């Protein structure tokens, strides 16, 4: 069995929205640097309640083995690429 380690990197943000935005951005940048980054598993939590997790990505499976990269509460159809505004 291969041993794997998970990195927990505390970064603070003033609210849930900005925490999700920062986490989403950081995950996308790190995923470009290494295939070992799993953006779909990224969550954020309140500093004093780290047992309460809020998902950063929808991460639903899509055809072809990819995952949805939109926020978890999106109302549009799932897609691999975020919509540009």
N, C-alpha and C. Protein backbone atom coordinates (compact mmCIF):
# COMPACT_ATOMS: atom_id res chain seq x y z
N UNK A 1 0.84 -1.18 0.00
CA UNK A 1 0.00 0.00 0.00
C UNK A 1 0.89 1.25 0.00
N UNK A 2 0.55 2.19 -0.86
CA UNK A 2 1.31 3.43 -0.95
C UNK A 2 0.83 4.39 0.13
N UNK A 3 1.76 4.97 0.83
CA UNK A 3 1.42 5.92 1.88
C UNK A 3 1.24 7.30 1.26
N UNK A 4 0.12 7.97 1.56
CA UNK A 4 -0.13 9.33 1.07
C UNK A 4 -0.34 10.24 2.26
N UNK A 5 0.07 11.47 2.09
CA UNK A 5 -0.10 12.48 3.12
C UNK A 5 -0.96 13.61 2.56
N UNK A 6 -1.79 14.20 3.39
CA UNK A 6 -2.65 15.31 2.99
C UNK A 6 -2.12 16.58 3.65
N UNK A 7 -2.01 17.64 2.87
CA UNK A 7 -1.53 18.92 3.39
C UNK A 7 -2.72 19.79 3.81
N UNK A 8 -2.71 20.25 5.03
CA UNK A 8 -3.72 21.18 5.53
C UNK A 8 -3.02 22.52 5.67
N UNK A 9 -3.47 23.49 4.92
CA UNK A 9 -2.80 24.79 4.88
C UNK A 9 -3.78 25.87 5.34
N UNK A 10 -3.77 26.24 6.61
CA UNK A 10 -4.70 27.27 7.09
C UNK A 10 -4.40 28.64 6.48
N UNK A 11 -5.42 29.21 5.88
CA UNK A 11 -5.36 30.56 5.32
C UNK A 11 -6.65 31.24 5.76
N UNK A 12 -6.58 32.45 6.27
CA UNK A 12 -7.79 33.09 6.77
C UNK A 12 -8.39 34.04 5.73
N UNK A 13 -9.70 34.22 5.84
CA UNK A 13 -10.45 35.15 4.99
C UNK A 13 -11.54 35.76 5.86
N UNK A 14 -12.01 36.96 5.50
CA UNK A 14 -12.98 37.65 6.36
C UNK A 14 -14.39 37.07 6.33
N UNK A 15 -14.74 36.27 5.30
CA UNK A 15 -16.09 35.70 5.25
C UNK A 15 -16.09 34.46 4.34
N UNK A 16 -17.22 33.74 4.34
CA UNK A 16 -17.32 32.49 3.59
C UNK A 16 -17.14 32.71 2.09
N UNK A 17 -17.73 33.72 1.53
CA UNK A 17 -17.61 33.97 0.10
C UNK A 17 -16.16 34.17 -0.30
N UNK A 18 -15.45 35.03 0.41
CA UNK A 18 -14.05 35.28 0.05
C UNK A 18 -13.17 34.08 0.35
N UNK A 19 -13.52 33.29 1.37
CA UNK A 19 -12.76 32.07 1.64
C UNK A 19 -12.91 31.09 0.48
N UNK A 20 -14.14 30.95 -0.03
CA UNK A 20 -14.37 30.05 -1.17
C UNK A 20 -13.64 30.55 -2.42
N UNK A 21 -13.69 31.85 -2.67
CA UNK A 21 -13.01 32.42 -3.84
C UNK A 21 -11.51 32.17 -3.76
N UNK A 22 -10.92 32.44 -2.60
CA UNK A 22 -9.49 32.24 -2.43
C UNK A 22 -9.13 30.77 -2.57
N UNK A 23 -9.91 29.89 -1.94
CA UNK A 23 -9.63 28.45 -2.00
C UNK A 23 -9.75 27.94 -3.43
N UNK A 24 -10.77 28.40 -4.16
CA UNK A 24 -10.96 27.99 -5.55
C UNK A 24 -9.78 28.42 -6.40
N UNK A 25 -9.34 29.66 -6.22
CA UNK A 25 -8.21 30.19 -6.98
C UNK A 25 -6.93 29.42 -6.65
N UNK A 26 -6.68 29.21 -5.37
CA UNK A 26 -5.47 28.49 -4.96
C UNK A 26 -5.48 27.06 -5.49
N UNK A 27 -6.62 26.39 -5.42
CA UNK A 27 -6.71 25.01 -5.91
C UNK A 27 -6.44 24.93 -7.40
N UNK A 28 -6.98 25.87 -8.16
CA UNK A 28 -6.77 25.86 -9.62
C UNK A 28 -5.31 26.11 -9.97
N UNK A 29 -4.67 27.03 -9.27
CA UNK A 29 -3.26 27.31 -9.52
C UNK A 29 -2.41 26.10 -9.16
N UNK A 30 -2.65 25.52 -8.00
CA UNK A 30 -1.86 24.36 -7.58
C UNK A 30 -2.10 23.15 -8.47
N UNK A 31 -3.33 22.98 -8.96
CA UNK A 31 -3.64 21.85 -9.85
C UNK A 31 -2.87 21.95 -11.16
N UNK A 32 -2.57 23.17 -11.60
CA UNK A 32 -1.77 23.35 -12.81
C UNK A 32 -0.31 22.97 -12.57
N UNK A 33 0.12 23.06 -11.31
CA UNK A 33 1.51 22.76 -10.98
C UNK A 33 1.74 21.28 -10.70
N UNK A 34 0.70 20.59 -10.24
CA UNK A 34 0.88 19.19 -9.87
C UNK A 34 -0.41 18.40 -10.06
N UNK A 35 -0.30 17.22 -10.65
CA UNK A 35 -1.45 16.34 -10.83
C UNK A 35 -1.90 15.74 -9.51
N UNK A 36 -1.13 15.91 -8.47
CA UNK A 36 -1.47 15.35 -7.17
C UNK A 36 -2.48 16.20 -6.40
N UNK A 37 -2.77 17.39 -6.90
CA UNK A 37 -3.74 18.27 -6.24
C UNK A 37 -5.14 17.80 -6.62
N UNK A 38 -6.02 17.64 -5.64
CA UNK A 38 -7.40 17.20 -5.85
C UNK A 38 -8.34 18.35 -5.51
N UNK A 39 -8.60 19.26 -6.46
CA UNK A 39 -9.43 20.43 -6.17
C UNK A 39 -10.83 20.08 -5.65
N UNK A 40 -11.40 18.99 -6.12
CA UNK A 40 -12.75 18.63 -5.70
C UNK A 40 -12.88 18.39 -4.21
N UNK A 41 -11.81 18.10 -3.54
CA UNK A 41 -11.86 17.85 -2.11
C UNK A 41 -11.66 19.08 -1.24
N UNK A 42 -11.53 20.24 -1.87
CA UNK A 42 -11.25 21.47 -1.12
C UNK A 42 -12.49 21.94 -0.37
N UNK A 43 -12.32 22.22 0.91
CA UNK A 43 -13.39 22.77 1.74
C UNK A 43 -12.83 23.95 2.53
N UNK A 44 -13.73 24.78 3.05
CA UNK A 44 -13.35 25.85 3.97
C UNK A 44 -14.20 25.68 5.22
N UNK A 45 -13.70 26.20 6.34
CA UNK A 45 -14.43 26.09 7.60
C UNK A 45 -14.17 27.31 8.47
N UNK A 46 -15.11 27.59 9.38
CA UNK A 46 -14.87 28.70 10.32
C UNK A 46 -13.65 28.37 11.20
N UNK A 47 -12.88 29.37 11.53
CA UNK A 47 -11.67 29.16 12.32
C UNK A 47 -11.95 28.46 13.64
N UNK A 48 -13.03 28.84 14.29
CA UNK A 48 -13.35 28.26 15.60
C UNK A 48 -14.22 27.01 15.51
N UNK A 49 -14.61 26.60 14.29
CA UNK A 49 -15.44 25.40 14.09
C UNK A 49 -14.90 24.63 12.89
N UNK A 50 -13.69 24.16 13.00
CA UNK A 50 -13.06 23.50 11.87
C UNK A 50 -13.66 22.14 11.55
N UNK A 51 -14.63 21.71 12.34
CA UNK A 51 -15.35 20.48 12.03
C UNK A 51 -16.53 20.74 11.09
N UNK A 52 -16.83 22.01 10.80
CA UNK A 52 -17.91 22.40 9.88
C UNK A 52 -17.27 22.77 8.55
N UNK A 53 -17.52 21.96 7.53
CA UNK A 53 -16.87 22.17 6.23
C UNK A 53 -17.86 22.67 5.19
N UNK A 54 -17.42 23.61 4.37
CA UNK A 54 -18.20 24.13 3.25
C UNK A 54 -17.42 23.79 1.99
N UNK A 55 -18.07 23.10 1.06
CA UNK A 55 -17.39 22.71 -0.18
C UNK A 55 -17.09 23.92 -1.04
N UNK A 56 -16.01 23.87 -1.79
CA UNK A 56 -15.59 24.95 -2.67
C UNK A 56 -16.01 24.67 -4.11
N UNK A 57 -16.00 23.41 -4.52
CA UNK A 57 -16.39 23.01 -5.87
C UNK A 57 -17.58 22.06 -5.81
N UNK A 58 -18.39 22.05 -6.86
CA UNK A 58 -19.50 21.11 -6.98
C UNK A 58 -18.96 19.68 -7.02
N UNK A 59 -18.04 19.42 -7.92
CA UNK A 59 -17.32 18.15 -8.07
C UNK A 59 -18.18 16.97 -8.51
N UNK A 60 -19.37 17.22 -9.07
CA UNK A 60 -20.18 16.11 -9.59
C UNK A 60 -19.47 15.48 -10.79
N UNK A 61 -19.57 14.15 -10.92
CA UNK A 61 -18.95 13.49 -12.08
C UNK A 61 -19.61 13.93 -13.39
N UNK A 62 -18.80 14.10 -14.42
CA UNK A 62 -19.27 14.45 -15.76
C UNK A 62 -18.86 13.35 -16.73
N UNK A 63 -19.51 13.29 -17.90
CA UNK A 63 -19.10 12.30 -18.90
C UNK A 63 -17.62 12.46 -19.24
N UNK A 64 -16.97 11.36 -19.49
CA UNK A 64 -15.55 11.41 -19.84
C UNK A 64 -14.63 11.36 -18.64
N UNK A 65 -15.18 11.20 -17.44
CA UNK A 65 -14.36 11.07 -16.25
C UNK A 65 -13.90 12.37 -15.62
N UNK A 66 -14.41 13.52 -16.09
CA UNK A 66 -14.04 14.79 -15.48
C UNK A 66 -15.04 15.14 -14.37
N UNK A 67 -14.82 16.26 -13.70
CA UNK A 67 -15.69 16.70 -12.61
C UNK A 67 -16.13 18.13 -12.84
N UNK A 68 -17.28 18.50 -12.27
CA UNK A 68 -17.79 19.86 -12.38
C UNK A 68 -16.89 20.79 -11.55
N UNK A 69 -16.52 21.92 -12.15
CA UNK A 69 -15.63 22.87 -11.46
C UNK A 69 -16.35 24.14 -11.02
N UNK A 70 -17.67 24.13 -11.07
CA UNK A 70 -18.44 25.28 -10.61
C UNK A 70 -18.58 25.25 -9.09
N UNK A 71 -19.01 26.36 -8.48
CA UNK A 71 -19.26 26.36 -7.03
C UNK A 71 -20.34 25.33 -6.67
N UNK A 72 -20.37 24.86 -5.44
CA UNK A 72 -21.29 23.79 -5.06
C UNK A 72 -22.77 24.17 -5.14
N UNK A 73 -23.10 25.43 -5.06
CA UNK A 73 -24.50 25.84 -5.05
C UNK A 73 -24.95 26.42 -6.39
N UNK A 74 -24.25 26.08 -7.49
CA UNK A 74 -24.59 26.65 -8.80
C UNK A 74 -25.97 26.17 -9.26
N UNK A 75 -26.63 26.98 -10.09
CA UNK A 75 -27.96 26.64 -10.60
C UNK A 75 -27.94 26.33 -12.09
N UNK A 76 -26.79 26.50 -12.73
CA UNK A 76 -26.65 26.19 -14.15
C UNK A 76 -26.22 24.73 -14.29
N UNK A 77 -26.30 24.17 -15.49
CA UNK A 77 -25.82 22.80 -15.68
C UNK A 77 -24.34 22.67 -15.32
N UNK A 78 -23.97 21.52 -14.84
CA UNK A 78 -22.58 21.27 -14.48
C UNK A 78 -21.69 21.38 -15.72
N UNK A 79 -20.47 21.83 -15.50
CA UNK A 79 -19.50 21.98 -16.57
C UNK A 79 -18.09 21.80 -16.01
N UNK A 80 -17.16 21.48 -16.88
CA UNK A 80 -15.76 21.32 -16.47
C UNK A 80 -15.09 22.66 -16.28
N UNK A 81 -15.51 23.66 -17.06
CA UNK A 81 -14.87 24.98 -17.00
C UNK A 81 -15.82 25.99 -16.37
N UNK A 82 -15.31 26.87 -15.53
CA UNK A 82 -16.17 27.89 -14.93
C UNK A 82 -16.65 28.88 -15.99
N UNK A 83 -17.87 29.38 -15.81
CA UNK A 83 -18.41 30.36 -16.74
C UNK A 83 -17.70 31.68 -16.56
N UNK A 84 -17.40 32.36 -17.63
CA UNK A 84 -16.75 33.67 -17.57
C UNK A 84 -17.82 34.74 -17.69
N UNK A 85 -17.72 35.76 -16.88
CA UNK A 85 -18.70 36.86 -16.91
C UNK A 85 -18.08 38.11 -17.46
